[in-house]
Amino acid sequence: MLIVAGGLAWRRGLRRGLTVLLSAVASCMVVCLPFFLAAPRAMWQMVVVDQIGRRRGSLEPVKRVTDMLGMSLFSGQLKLLLGTAMMAALIASLVVCLRRPRLRLLAVLFISHALLLAVTPMWFLHYAGVIAAPLVLVLGGGLALALQKVATFRSWPAPAVASLAAVAVLLSALPITQRRQSQPFPGPAAAAIVADLPGCVVTDYPMTLIQMNLLRRNLERGCRFEVDLGGASYHLQAGEDKEKPRTRNQVWQAYAFEYLRTGNAAVIARFSSGDGFSPTTAKVVLSWPELGRAGKYVIRKPQP
């Protein structure tokens, strides 16, 4: 936002830049200010400090570049060819945008986003979406200028290349249509198992309570609610364990186990042995009696 506001102030006057900047601040305040007023210290700690202090993952620059270019779902020779072509087009477009004053802001935006993604401590595939808008704007700016040059000699190449670009975008999206990140959660079936159960239903993944239509009931009963059980590992004072994965963070293991035991029923949808839970925690949770099954999910009765 600072880059956009600064660019507008430079090109179109200070008033335009300040208008954009103040509008962005106001939009942010609409979302964040109520939470900050309700609990300023906790909100600052959890939203800002805890995120900055997250455990650093491996750098893997090749993977980050591949994800940013949208090539992560391709494989083999096709990935290499498409990635090389995309990189060449991007570099050429970036040079064009840097040389044109009217397009320079797009180039600066792309460079700033790329640097941000390069230094972020951890990496997940969806982080690449941060650079999507600057990337397509830079490519579009380079392509538009190239077509203007070509149009001075021939009229047909411009619509032909534009059509090919549109087809390329559609083809690049095909792998996404074939990918499934997860399985549907059988909310109604799970809800039927605990419909007449007194007390609280706890879970390691709060969306299950929404799918089961139990979140309101839990809140009305005064049940403890963990918005992000996994994210609590960033906030806990875990000492030496803070830099360890959750499976070896004994402070978080105890915290998660203690929370799950507060319920009369527990729905485990996210964590398993070696993936969040330590083998010891997973073994204890799996030993709890079953209240019922909904698809592959087991609803268990926590034991003291």
Protein backbone atom coordinates (compact mmCIF):
# COMPACT_ATOMS: atom_id res chain seq x y z
CA MET A 1 0.00 0.00 0.00
CA LEU A 2 2.89 2.36 0.74
CA ILE A 3 4.29 1.70 -2.74
CA VAL A 4 0.94 2.35 -4.44
CA ALA A 5 0.29 5.49 -2.38
CA GLY A 6 3.84 6.74 -2.92
CA GLY A 7 3.63 6.10 -6.66
CA LEU A 8 0.37 7.99 -6.94
CA ALA A 9 1.74 10.86 -4.88
CA TRP A 10 4.79 11.04 -7.16
CA ARG A 11 2.84 10.83 -10.44
CA ARG A 12 -0.48 12.50 -9.62
CA GLY A 13 0.11 14.64 -6.57
CA LEU A 14 0.26 14.30 -2.81
CA ARG A 15 -3.52 14.54 -2.42
CA ARG A 16 -4.14 11.42 -4.54
CA GLY A 17 -1.51 9.46 -2.64
CA LEU A 18 -2.86 10.47 0.77
CA THR A 19 -6.42 9.62 -0.31
CA VAL A 20 -5.41 6.05 -1.15
CA LEU A 21 -3.29 5.67 1.99
CA LEU A 22 -5.97 6.99 4.34
CA SER A 23 -8.61 4.83 2.64
CA ALA A 24 -6.44 1.76 3.22
CA VAL A 25 -5.95 2.70 6.88
CA ALA A 26 -9.70 3.20 7.31
CA SER A 27 -10.48 -0.18 5.70
CA CYS A 28 -8.00 -1.89 8.00
CA MET A 29 -9.47 -0.17 11.04
CA VAL A 30 -12.99 -1.38 10.21
CA VAL A 31 -11.75 -4.97 10.49
CA CYS A 32 -9.07 -4.73 13.18
CA LEU A 33 -9.99 -1.85 15.48
CA PRO A 34 -12.90 -3.59 17.31
CA PHE A 35 -10.58 -6.44 18.30
CA PHE A 36 -7.80 -4.07 19.29
CA LEU A 37 -10.16 -2.02 21.48
CA ALA A 38 -11.50 -5.18 23.12
CA ALA A 39 -8.07 -6.61 23.93
CA PRO A 40 -5.21 -4.42 22.69
CA ARG A 41 -2.34 -6.30 24.26
CA ALA A 42 -3.57 -9.78 23.29
CA MET A 43 -4.48 -8.70 19.76
CA TRP A 44 -1.05 -7.15 19.13
CA GLN A 45 0.71 -10.18 20.60
CA MET A 46 -1.27 -12.82 18.68
CA VAL A 47 -1.71 -11.05 15.34
CA VAL A 48 1.68 -9.36 15.01
CA VAL A 49 4.33 -10.55 17.47
CA ASP A 50 3.46 -14.27 17.38
CA GLN A 51 3.47 -14.31 13.58
CA ILE A 52 6.81 -12.52 13.33
CA GLY A 53 8.29 -14.97 15.82
CA ARG A 54 7.19 -18.16 14.05
CA ARG A 55 9.71 -20.95 13.63
CA ARG A 56 11.74 -20.55 10.45
CA GLY A 57 11.44 -23.27 7.83
CA SER A 58 13.86 -24.26 5.09
CA LEU A 59 14.49 -21.65 2.39
CA GLU A 60 14.06 -23.84 -0.77
CA PRO A 61 14.39 -20.99 -3.31
CA VAL A 62 13.63 -23.25 -6.31
CA LYS A 63 10.32 -24.36 -4.78
CA ARG A 64 9.35 -20.80 -3.96
CA VAL A 65 10.05 -19.60 -7.50
CA THR A 66 8.18 -22.59 -8.94
CA ASP A 67 5.14 -21.86 -6.80
CA MET A 68 5.22 -18.15 -7.62
CA LEU A 69 5.27 -18.95 -11.35
CA GLY A 70 2.27 -21.25 -10.92
CA MET A 71 4.20 -24.33 -12.02
CA SER A 72 3.95 -26.40 -8.85
CA LEU A 73 1.14 -28.63 -10.14
CA PHE A 74 3.04 -29.56 -13.31
CA SER A 75 5.80 -32.16 -13.39
CA GLY A 76 8.77 -33.39 -15.39
CA GLN A 77 9.80 -31.89 -18.70
CA LEU A 78 6.56 -29.94 -19.05
CA LYS A 79 7.26 -28.06 -15.82
CA LEU A 80 10.78 -27.20 -17.01
CA LEU A 81 9.60 -25.94 -20.41
CA LEU A 82 6.66 -23.94 -19.08
CA GLY A 83 8.68 -22.53 -16.21
CA THR A 84 11.48 -21.41 -18.54
CA ALA A 85 9.02 -19.79 -20.93
CA MET A 86 7.22 -18.03 -18.08
CA MET A 87 10.47 -16.79 -16.57
CA ALA A 88 11.69 -15.44 -19.93
CA ALA A 89 8.38 -13.65 -20.56
CA LEU A 90 8.36 -12.25 -17.04
CA ILE A 91 11.93 -10.91 -17.21
CA ALA A 92 11.28 -9.30 -20.60
CA SER A 93 8.04 -7.73 -19.36
CA LEU A 94 9.73 -6.51 -16.18
CA VAL A 95 12.44 -4.75 -18.19
CA VAL A 96 9.79 -3.14 -20.41
CA CYS A 97 7.79 -1.92 -17.39
CA LEU A 98 10.90 -0.51 -15.70
CA ARG A 99 11.74 1.51 -18.82
CA ARG A 100 8.24 2.98 -19.18
CA PRO A 101 7.35 5.63 -16.54
CA ARG A 102 3.64 4.83 -16.73
CA LEU A 103 4.29 1.14 -16.01
CA ARG A 104 7.15 1.52 -13.55
CA LEU A 105 4.85 1.25 -10.52
CA LEU A 106 3.82 -2.25 -11.65
CA ALA A 107 7.46 -3.33 -11.80
CA VAL A 108 8.20 -1.91 -8.35
CA LEU A 109 5.17 -3.68 -6.93
CA PHE A 110 6.30 -6.98 -8.40
CA ILE A 111 9.86 -6.60 -7.10
CA SER A 112 8.66 -5.69 -3.59
CA HIS A 113 6.28 -8.66 -3.46
CA ALA A 114 8.99 -11.02 -4.73
CA LEU A 115 11.41 -9.80 -2.05
CA LEU A 116 8.75 -10.23 0.63
CA LEU A 117 8.12 -13.83 -0.42
CA ALA A 118 11.86 -14.51 -0.65
CA VAL A 119 12.51 -13.61 2.99
CA THR A 120 9.32 -14.86 4.67
CA PRO A 121 10.33 -17.34 7.41
CA MET A 122 7.98 -20.17 6.41
CA TRP A 123 6.50 -21.27 3.11
CA PHE A 124 3.13 -22.69 2.14
CA LEU A 125 1.80 -23.05 -1.40
CA HIS A 126 -0.93 -20.45 -0.93
CA TYR A 127 1.67 -17.79 -0.08
CA ALA A 128 2.41 -17.62 -3.81
CA GLY A 129 -0.99 -16.01 -4.30
CA VAL A 130 0.42 -12.81 -2.78
CA ILE A 131 2.34 -12.11 -5.98
CA ALA A 132 -0.41 -13.10 -8.43
CA ALA A 133 -1.73 -9.58 -9.08
CA PRO A 134 1.65 -7.84 -9.62
CA LEU A 135 2.82 -10.77 -11.78
CA VAL A 136 -0.11 -10.69 -14.20
CA LEU A 137 -0.02 -6.89 -14.35
CA VAL A 138 3.67 -6.92 -15.31
CA LEU A 139 3.08 -9.63 -17.92
CA GLY A 140 0.06 -7.74 -19.23
CA GLY A 141 2.02 -4.49 -19.44
CA GLY A 142 4.83 -6.14 -21.40
CA LEU A 143 2.43 -7.92 -23.73
CA ALA A 144 0.38 -4.77 -24.36
CA LEU A 145 3.45 -2.79 -25.42
CA ALA A 146 4.66 -5.64 -27.63
CA LEU A 147 1.27 -5.80 -29.37
CA GLN A 148 1.28 -2.02 -29.89
CA LYS A 149 4.62 -2.33 -31.67
CA VAL A 150 3.40 -5.18 -33.83
CA ALA A 151 0.13 -3.39 -34.68
CA THR A 152 2.06 -0.63 -36.44
CA PHE A 153 3.07 -3.16 -39.13
CA ARG A 154 0.22 -5.70 -39.22
CA SER A 155 -3.30 -5.71 -37.79
CA TRP A 156 -3.84 -9.45 -37.29
CA PRO A 157 -1.02 -10.38 -34.85
CA ALA A 158 -2.47 -8.36 -31.94
CA PRO A 159 -5.82 -10.21 -31.64
CA ALA A 160 -4.09 -13.52 -32.41
CA VAL A 161 -1.52 -13.13 -29.65
CA ALA A 162 -4.15 -11.85 -27.23
CA SER A 163 -6.27 -14.94 -27.97
CA LEU A 164 -3.28 -17.23 -27.43
CA ALA A 165 -2.56 -15.53 -24.12
CA ALA A 166 -6.14 -16.11 -22.98
CA VAL A 167 -5.95 -19.78 -24.01
CA ALA A 168 -2.63 -20.16 -22.17
CA VAL A 169 -4.20 -18.81 -18.98
CA LEU A 170 -7.08 -21.28 -19.25
CA LEU A 171 -4.76 -24.24 -19.94
CA SER A 172 -2.53 -23.33 -17.01
CA ALA A 173 -5.57 -23.58 -14.74
CA LEU A 174 -6.43 -27.16 -15.80
CA PRO A 175 -4.26 -28.87 -13.16
CA ILE A 176 -6.02 -26.89 -10.43
CA THR A 177 -9.41 -28.25 -11.52
CA GLN A 178 -8.11 -31.80 -11.02
CA ARG A 179 -6.61 -31.23 -7.56
CA ARG A 180 -8.43 -32.07 -4.35
CA GLN A 181 -6.95 -30.68 -1.16
CA SER A 182 -9.19 -32.59 1.24
CA GLN A 183 -12.30 -34.72 1.65
CA PRO A 184 -15.73 -33.32 2.57
CA PHE A 185 -16.50 -33.43 6.28
CA PRO A 186 -19.77 -35.30 7.09
CA GLY A 187 -21.14 -32.58 9.37
CA PRO A 188 -24.77 -33.77 9.68
CA ALA A 189 -23.72 -37.38 10.39
CA ALA A 190 -21.24 -36.26 13.04
CA ALA A 191 -23.80 -33.90 14.57
CA ALA A 192 -26.34 -36.72 14.93
CA ILE A 193 -23.91 -38.66 17.15
CA VAL A 194 -23.65 -35.85 19.71
CA ALA A 195 -27.09 -34.28 19.27
CA ASP A 196 -28.38 -35.35 22.69
CA LEU A 197 -25.04 -35.21 24.47
CA PRO A 198 -24.84 -32.75 27.40
CA GLY A 199 -21.81 -30.55 27.87
CA CYS A 200 -19.25 -29.56 25.26
CA VAL A 201 -17.93 -30.87 21.95
CA VAL A 202 -14.26 -30.00 21.41
CA THR A 203 -12.21 -30.36 18.27
CA ASP A 204 -8.73 -29.77 16.90
CA TYR A 205 -10.25 -28.04 13.84
CA PRO A 206 -12.97 -25.45 14.60
CA MET A 207 -14.56 -25.67 11.15
CA THR A 208 -15.93 -29.06 12.18
CA LEU A 209 -18.12 -27.32 14.79
CA ILE A 210 -19.47 -25.04 12.07
CA GLN A 211 -20.17 -28.00 9.77
CA MET A 212 -21.92 -29.75 12.67
CA ASN A 213 -23.88 -26.58 13.53
CA LEU A 214 -22.61 -26.82 17.12
CA LEU A 215 -20.53 -23.67 17.53
CA ARG A 216 -23.42 -21.57 18.82
CA ARG A 217 -24.53 -24.33 21.18
CA ASN A 218 -21.01 -24.63 22.56
CA LEU A 219 -20.74 -20.89 23.14
CA GLU A 220 -24.15 -20.74 24.83
CA ARG A 221 -23.06 -23.53 27.18
CA GLY A 222 -19.90 -21.64 28.09
CA CYS A 223 -17.61 -24.19 26.49
CA ARG A 224 -13.97 -23.37 25.98
CA PHE A 225 -13.30 -22.56 22.33
CA GLU A 226 -9.90 -22.69 20.67
CA VAL A 227 -10.06 -20.74 17.42
CA ASP A 228 -6.77 -22.24 16.23
CA LEU A 229 -5.40 -25.04 18.37
CA GLY A 230 -2.34 -25.44 16.15
CA GLY A 231 -1.69 -21.70 16.11
CA ALA A 232 -1.51 -21.69 19.91
CA SER A 233 1.99 -23.15 19.53
CA TYR A 234 3.16 -19.72 18.32
CA HIS A 235 1.79 -18.01 21.40
CA LEU A 236 2.73 -20.37 24.23
CA GLN A 237 5.81 -19.65 26.30
CA ALA A 238 7.49 -22.90 25.39
CA GLY A 239 11.15 -22.06 26.05
CA GLU A 240 13.48 -24.31 24.05
CA ASP A 241 10.50 -26.18 22.59
CA LYS A 242 9.29 -23.05 20.74
CA GLU A 243 11.72 -23.69 17.87
CA LYS A 244 10.73 -27.36 17.60
CA PRO A 245 7.92 -28.83 15.45
CA ARG A 246 4.63 -29.32 17.31
CA THR A 247 5.23 -33.07 17.54
CA ARG A 248 8.26 -32.35 19.79
CA ASN A 249 6.90 -29.27 21.55
CA GLN A 250 5.97 -30.75 24.93
CA VAL A 251 4.38 -27.50 26.14
CA TRP A 252 1.97 -27.47 23.18
CA GLN A 253 1.30 -31.21 23.50
CA ALA A 254 0.22 -30.68 27.11
CA TYR A 255 -1.85 -27.63 26.13
CA ALA A 256 -3.67 -29.47 23.32
CA PHE A 257 -4.26 -32.56 25.45
CA GLU A 258 -5.62 -30.51 28.35
CA TYR A 259 -8.00 -28.66 26.02
CA LEU A 260 -9.35 -31.81 24.39
CA ARG A 261 -10.05 -33.30 27.82
CA THR A 262 -12.39 -30.40 28.67
CA GLY A 263 -15.05 -31.79 26.33
CA ASN A 264 -17.70 -34.47 26.70
CA ALA A 265 -16.94 -35.42 23.12
CA ALA A 266 -13.90 -34.81 20.92
CA VAL A 267 -13.75 -34.65 17.13
CA ILE A 268 -10.19 -35.18 15.84
CA ALA A 269 -10.09 -33.95 12.24
CA ARG A 270 -6.68 -32.34 11.78
CA PHE A 271 -3.91 -33.90 13.86
CA SER A 272 -2.55 -37.44 14.03
CA SER A 273 0.60 -39.19 15.22
CA GLY A 274 3.61 -37.42 13.73
CA ASP A 275 1.41 -34.71 12.25
CA GLY A 276 0.75 -32.31 15.12
CA PHE A 277 0.33 -34.94 17.82
CA SER A 278 3.33 -36.73 19.26
CA PRO A 279 3.08 -40.54 19.20
CA THR A 280 2.38 -40.47 22.95
CA THR A 281 -0.46 -37.94 22.67
CA ALA A 282 -1.97 -39.73 19.68
CA LYS A 283 -1.86 -43.07 21.52
CA VAL A 284 -3.77 -41.67 24.49
CA VAL A 285 -6.37 -39.93 22.29
CA LEU A 286 -6.92 -43.12 20.27
CA SER A 287 -7.49 -45.03 23.50
CA TRP A 288 -10.54 -42.92 24.38
CA PRO A 289 -13.87 -44.75 23.90
CA GLU A 290 -15.72 -44.25 20.63
CA LEU A 291 -19.07 -42.49 20.67
CA GLY A 292 -19.61 -43.06 16.97
CA ARG A 293 -18.19 -42.71 13.47
CA ALA A 294 -19.03 -40.29 10.66
CA GLY A 295 -17.26 -41.39 7.51
CA LYS A 296 -13.57 -41.73 8.37
CA TYR A 297 -13.91 -39.47 11.42
CA VAL A 298 -14.26 -40.89 14.93
CA ILE A 299 -16.02 -39.02 17.73
CA ARG A 300 -14.47 -40.01 21.06
CA LYS A 301 -15.25 -39.50 24.74
CA PRO A 302 -12.26 -37.86 26.47
CA GLN A 303 -11.10 -39.52 29.67
CA PRO A 304 -9.77 -37.77 32.80
